[in-house]
Structures are given as structure tokens and as C-alpha cells.
N, C-alpha and C. Protein backbone atom coordinates (compact mmCIF):
# COMPACT_ATOMS: atom_id res chain seq x y z
N UNK A 1 13.44 -3.85 -20.93
CA UNK A 1 12.70 -4.90 -20.23
C UNK A 1 13.35 -5.19 -18.87
N UNK A 2 14.66 -5.20 -18.82
CA UNK A 2 15.37 -5.43 -17.57
C UNK A 2 15.04 -4.33 -16.57
N UNK A 3 14.95 -3.11 -17.06
CA UNK A 3 14.61 -1.98 -16.20
C UNK A 3 13.21 -2.16 -15.60
N UNK A 4 12.25 -2.63 -16.42
CA UNK A 4 10.89 -2.89 -15.92
C UNK A 4 10.91 -3.97 -14.85
N UNK A 5 11.71 -5.01 -15.07
CA UNK A 5 11.81 -6.09 -14.08
C UNK A 5 12.38 -5.56 -12.77
N UNK A 6 13.40 -4.73 -12.86
CA UNK A 6 14.00 -4.16 -11.64
C UNK A 6 13.02 -3.25 -10.92
N UNK A 7 12.28 -2.47 -11.70
CA UNK A 7 11.30 -1.56 -11.11
C UNK A 7 10.22 -2.35 -10.38
N UNK A 8 9.73 -3.41 -11.01
CA UNK A 8 8.71 -4.26 -10.40
C UNK A 8 9.25 -4.90 -9.12
N UNK A 9 10.47 -5.41 -9.18
CA UNK A 9 11.07 -6.03 -8.00
C UNK A 9 11.24 -5.01 -6.87
N UNK A 10 11.62 -3.79 -7.22
CA UNK A 10 11.79 -2.74 -6.22
C UNK A 10 10.44 -2.39 -5.59
N UNK A 11 9.40 -2.35 -6.41
CA UNK A 11 8.07 -2.04 -5.89
C UNK A 11 7.57 -3.14 -4.96
N UNK A 12 7.76 -4.37 -5.36
CA UNK A 12 7.36 -5.51 -4.52
C UNK A 12 8.08 -5.44 -3.18
N UNK A 13 9.37 -5.15 -3.21
CA UNK A 13 10.15 -5.06 -1.97
C UNK A 13 9.66 -3.89 -1.12
N UNK A 14 9.39 -2.76 -1.75
CA UNK A 14 8.90 -1.58 -1.02
C UNK A 14 7.56 -1.89 -0.33
N UNK A 15 6.70 -2.62 -1.01
CA UNK A 15 5.41 -3.00 -0.42
C UNK A 15 5.64 -3.95 0.76
N UNK A 16 6.55 -4.90 0.58
CA UNK A 16 6.86 -5.84 1.67
C UNK A 16 7.41 -5.13 2.90
N UNK A 17 8.09 -4.01 2.69
CA UNK A 17 8.70 -3.26 3.79
C UNK A 17 7.71 -2.35 4.52
N UNK A 18 6.51 -2.21 4.01
CA UNK A 18 5.51 -1.38 4.68
C UNK A 18 5.13 -1.97 6.03
N UNK A 19 4.73 -1.12 6.97
CA UNK A 19 4.18 -1.63 8.22
C UNK A 19 2.97 -2.52 7.93
N UNK A 20 2.72 -3.49 8.77
CA UNK A 20 1.67 -4.49 8.53
C UNK A 20 0.32 -3.88 8.18
N UNK A 21 -0.13 -2.93 8.96
CA UNK A 21 -1.47 -2.37 8.70
C UNK A 21 -1.52 -1.69 7.34
N UNK A 22 -0.47 -0.97 6.98
CA UNK A 22 -0.44 -0.30 5.68
C UNK A 22 -0.43 -1.34 4.56
N UNK A 23 0.29 -2.43 4.78
CA UNK A 23 0.34 -3.51 3.80
C UNK A 23 -1.05 -4.14 3.62
N UNK A 24 -1.76 -4.35 4.73
CA UNK A 24 -3.12 -4.90 4.66
C UNK A 24 -4.03 -3.97 3.87
N UNK A 25 -3.95 -2.68 4.17
CA UNK A 25 -4.80 -1.70 3.48
C UNK A 25 -4.50 -1.72 1.98
N UNK A 26 -3.24 -1.73 1.61
CA UNK A 26 -2.88 -1.73 0.19
C UNK A 26 -3.38 -3.00 -0.49
N UNK A 27 -3.25 -4.12 0.17
CA UNK A 27 -3.71 -5.38 -0.40
C UNK A 27 -5.21 -5.42 -0.59
N UNK A 28 -5.92 -4.98 0.44
CA UNK A 28 -7.38 -5.00 0.34
C UNK A 28 -7.86 -4.01 -0.72
N UNK A 29 -7.21 -2.86 -0.80
CA UNK A 29 -7.64 -1.83 -1.74
C UNK A 29 -7.32 -2.19 -3.18
N UNK A 30 -6.09 -2.61 -3.43
CA UNK A 30 -5.66 -2.85 -4.81
C UNK A 30 -5.84 -4.28 -5.30
N UNK A 31 -5.65 -5.25 -4.44
CA UNK A 31 -5.79 -6.65 -4.86
C UNK A 31 -7.23 -7.14 -4.79
N UNK A 32 -7.93 -6.70 -3.76
CA UNK A 32 -9.29 -7.20 -3.53
C UNK A 32 -10.37 -6.18 -3.90
N UNK A 33 -9.95 -5.03 -4.44
CA UNK A 33 -10.87 -3.99 -4.89
C UNK A 33 -11.90 -3.57 -3.83
N UNK A 34 -11.45 -3.52 -2.59
CA UNK A 34 -12.33 -3.07 -1.51
C UNK A 34 -12.25 -1.56 -1.40
N UNK A 35 -13.34 -0.93 -0.99
CA UNK A 35 -13.28 0.51 -0.78
C UNK A 35 -12.88 0.79 0.67
N UNK A 36 -12.66 2.07 0.97
CA UNK A 36 -12.16 2.44 2.30
C UNK A 36 -13.15 2.06 3.40
N UNK A 37 -14.44 2.18 3.12
CA UNK A 37 -15.46 1.83 4.12
C UNK A 37 -15.41 0.33 4.43
N UNK A 38 -15.26 -0.49 3.41
CA UNK A 38 -15.18 -1.94 3.61
C UNK A 38 -13.92 -2.32 4.39
N UNK A 39 -12.81 -1.68 4.05
CA UNK A 39 -11.55 -1.96 4.75
C UNK A 39 -11.68 -1.56 6.22
N UNK A 40 -12.29 -0.41 6.47
CA UNK A 40 -12.49 0.06 7.84
C UNK A 40 -13.29 -0.96 8.65
N UNK A 41 -14.30 -1.55 8.03
CA UNK A 41 -15.11 -2.55 8.73
C UNK A 41 -14.29 -3.79 9.06
N UNK A 42 -13.44 -4.22 8.13
CA UNK A 42 -12.60 -5.40 8.37
C UNK A 42 -11.60 -5.13 9.49
N UNK A 43 -10.97 -3.96 9.46
CA UNK A 43 -9.95 -3.63 10.46
C UNK A 43 -10.54 -3.08 11.77
N UNK A 44 -11.86 -2.84 11.75
CA UNK A 44 -12.55 -2.29 12.92
C UNK A 44 -11.97 -0.95 13.36
N UNK A 45 -11.78 -0.08 12.37
CA UNK A 45 -11.32 1.29 12.60
C UNK A 45 -12.21 2.22 11.77
N UNK A 46 -11.98 3.52 11.90
CA UNK A 46 -12.78 4.46 11.12
C UNK A 46 -12.29 4.53 9.68
N UNK A 47 -13.20 4.94 8.82
CA UNK A 47 -12.86 5.13 7.41
C UNK A 47 -11.76 6.19 7.27
N UNK A 48 -11.81 7.20 8.12
CA UNK A 48 -10.81 8.26 8.11
C UNK A 48 -9.42 7.70 8.41
N UNK A 49 -9.34 6.78 9.35
CA UNK A 49 -8.05 6.18 9.70
C UNK A 49 -7.52 5.34 8.54
N UNK A 50 -8.39 4.62 7.86
CA UNK A 50 -7.98 3.82 6.70
C UNK A 50 -7.44 4.75 5.61
N UNK A 51 -8.10 5.88 5.43
CA UNK A 51 -7.64 6.86 4.44
C UNK A 51 -6.24 7.35 4.80
N UNK A 52 -5.99 7.60 6.07
CA UNK A 52 -4.67 8.04 6.51
C UNK A 52 -3.62 6.93 6.30
N UNK A 53 -3.98 5.70 6.63
CA UNK A 53 -3.06 4.59 6.42
C UNK A 53 -2.71 4.45 4.95
N UNK A 54 -3.71 4.56 4.08
CA UNK A 54 -3.49 4.47 2.64
C UNK A 54 -2.57 5.60 2.17
N UNK A 55 -2.83 6.81 2.64
CA UNK A 55 -2.00 7.96 2.26
C UNK A 55 -0.55 7.79 2.72
N UNK A 56 -0.37 7.30 3.93
CA UNK A 56 0.98 7.06 4.44
C UNK A 56 1.70 6.00 3.61
N UNK A 57 0.98 4.94 3.26
CA UNK A 57 1.58 3.87 2.46
C UNK A 57 2.01 4.40 1.09
N UNK A 58 1.14 5.17 0.46
CA UNK A 58 1.47 5.74 -0.85
C UNK A 58 2.69 6.64 -0.75
N UNK A 59 2.74 7.47 0.29
CA UNK A 59 3.89 8.37 0.48
C UNK A 59 5.18 7.58 0.68
N UNK A 60 5.13 6.51 1.47
CA UNK A 60 6.32 5.68 1.68
C UNK A 60 6.78 5.04 0.36
N UNK A 61 5.82 4.51 -0.39
CA UNK A 61 6.16 3.86 -1.67
C UNK A 61 6.75 4.86 -2.66
N UNK A 62 6.16 6.04 -2.74
CA UNK A 62 6.70 7.07 -3.64
C UNK A 62 8.12 7.43 -3.26
N UNK A 63 8.34 7.59 -1.97
CA UNK A 63 9.67 7.94 -1.48
C UNK A 63 10.69 6.87 -1.84
N UNK A 64 10.35 5.62 -1.61
CA UNK A 64 11.28 4.52 -1.92
C UNK A 64 11.50 4.37 -3.41
N UNK A 65 10.45 4.59 -4.20
CA UNK A 65 10.57 4.38 -5.64
C UNK A 65 11.28 5.52 -6.34
N UNK A 66 11.40 6.68 -5.73
CA UNK A 66 12.14 7.78 -6.34
C UNK A 66 13.59 7.41 -6.57
N UNK A 67 14.12 6.56 -5.73
CA UNK A 67 15.51 6.13 -5.86
C UNK A 67 15.71 5.23 -7.06
N UNK A 68 14.63 4.69 -7.61
CA UNK A 68 14.73 3.77 -8.75
C UNK A 68 14.28 4.50 -9.96
């Protein structure tokens, strides 16, 4: 259980460390269940760019979480 708590804390910190735009994309996608097209409209960018931001965020999180 302690390990799960540490893992969760590490993930929360990794998300907090993301660049602002990537953090917004992750929040809108996972917390608010928005799709990439909806996020693109909110951020006033292309859906392709949102997809890239999401991919970059996932890659950063995976990289940081490998250490845990």
C-alpha cells in the first residue's frame, strides 16, 4: 500500500512538472473526458497539435515514472 501511495505521489508530481499546455491537455482529456477536437477548439490550435502535445506529455510521464 505504501508503494501505491508513493507511485501516486510521484505521478501527481510528474504531472505538475509538465509544461502548462501539456498539463492543460492532460487535464481536459483525462479529467474532463474531452476529445482531441474539443481540446483543439478550446486552445485554438489544430487537432494535430493537440495530439502531439498529448503524445509529448505521455512520453515525459513514462520517462519520469520509469524511475519509480
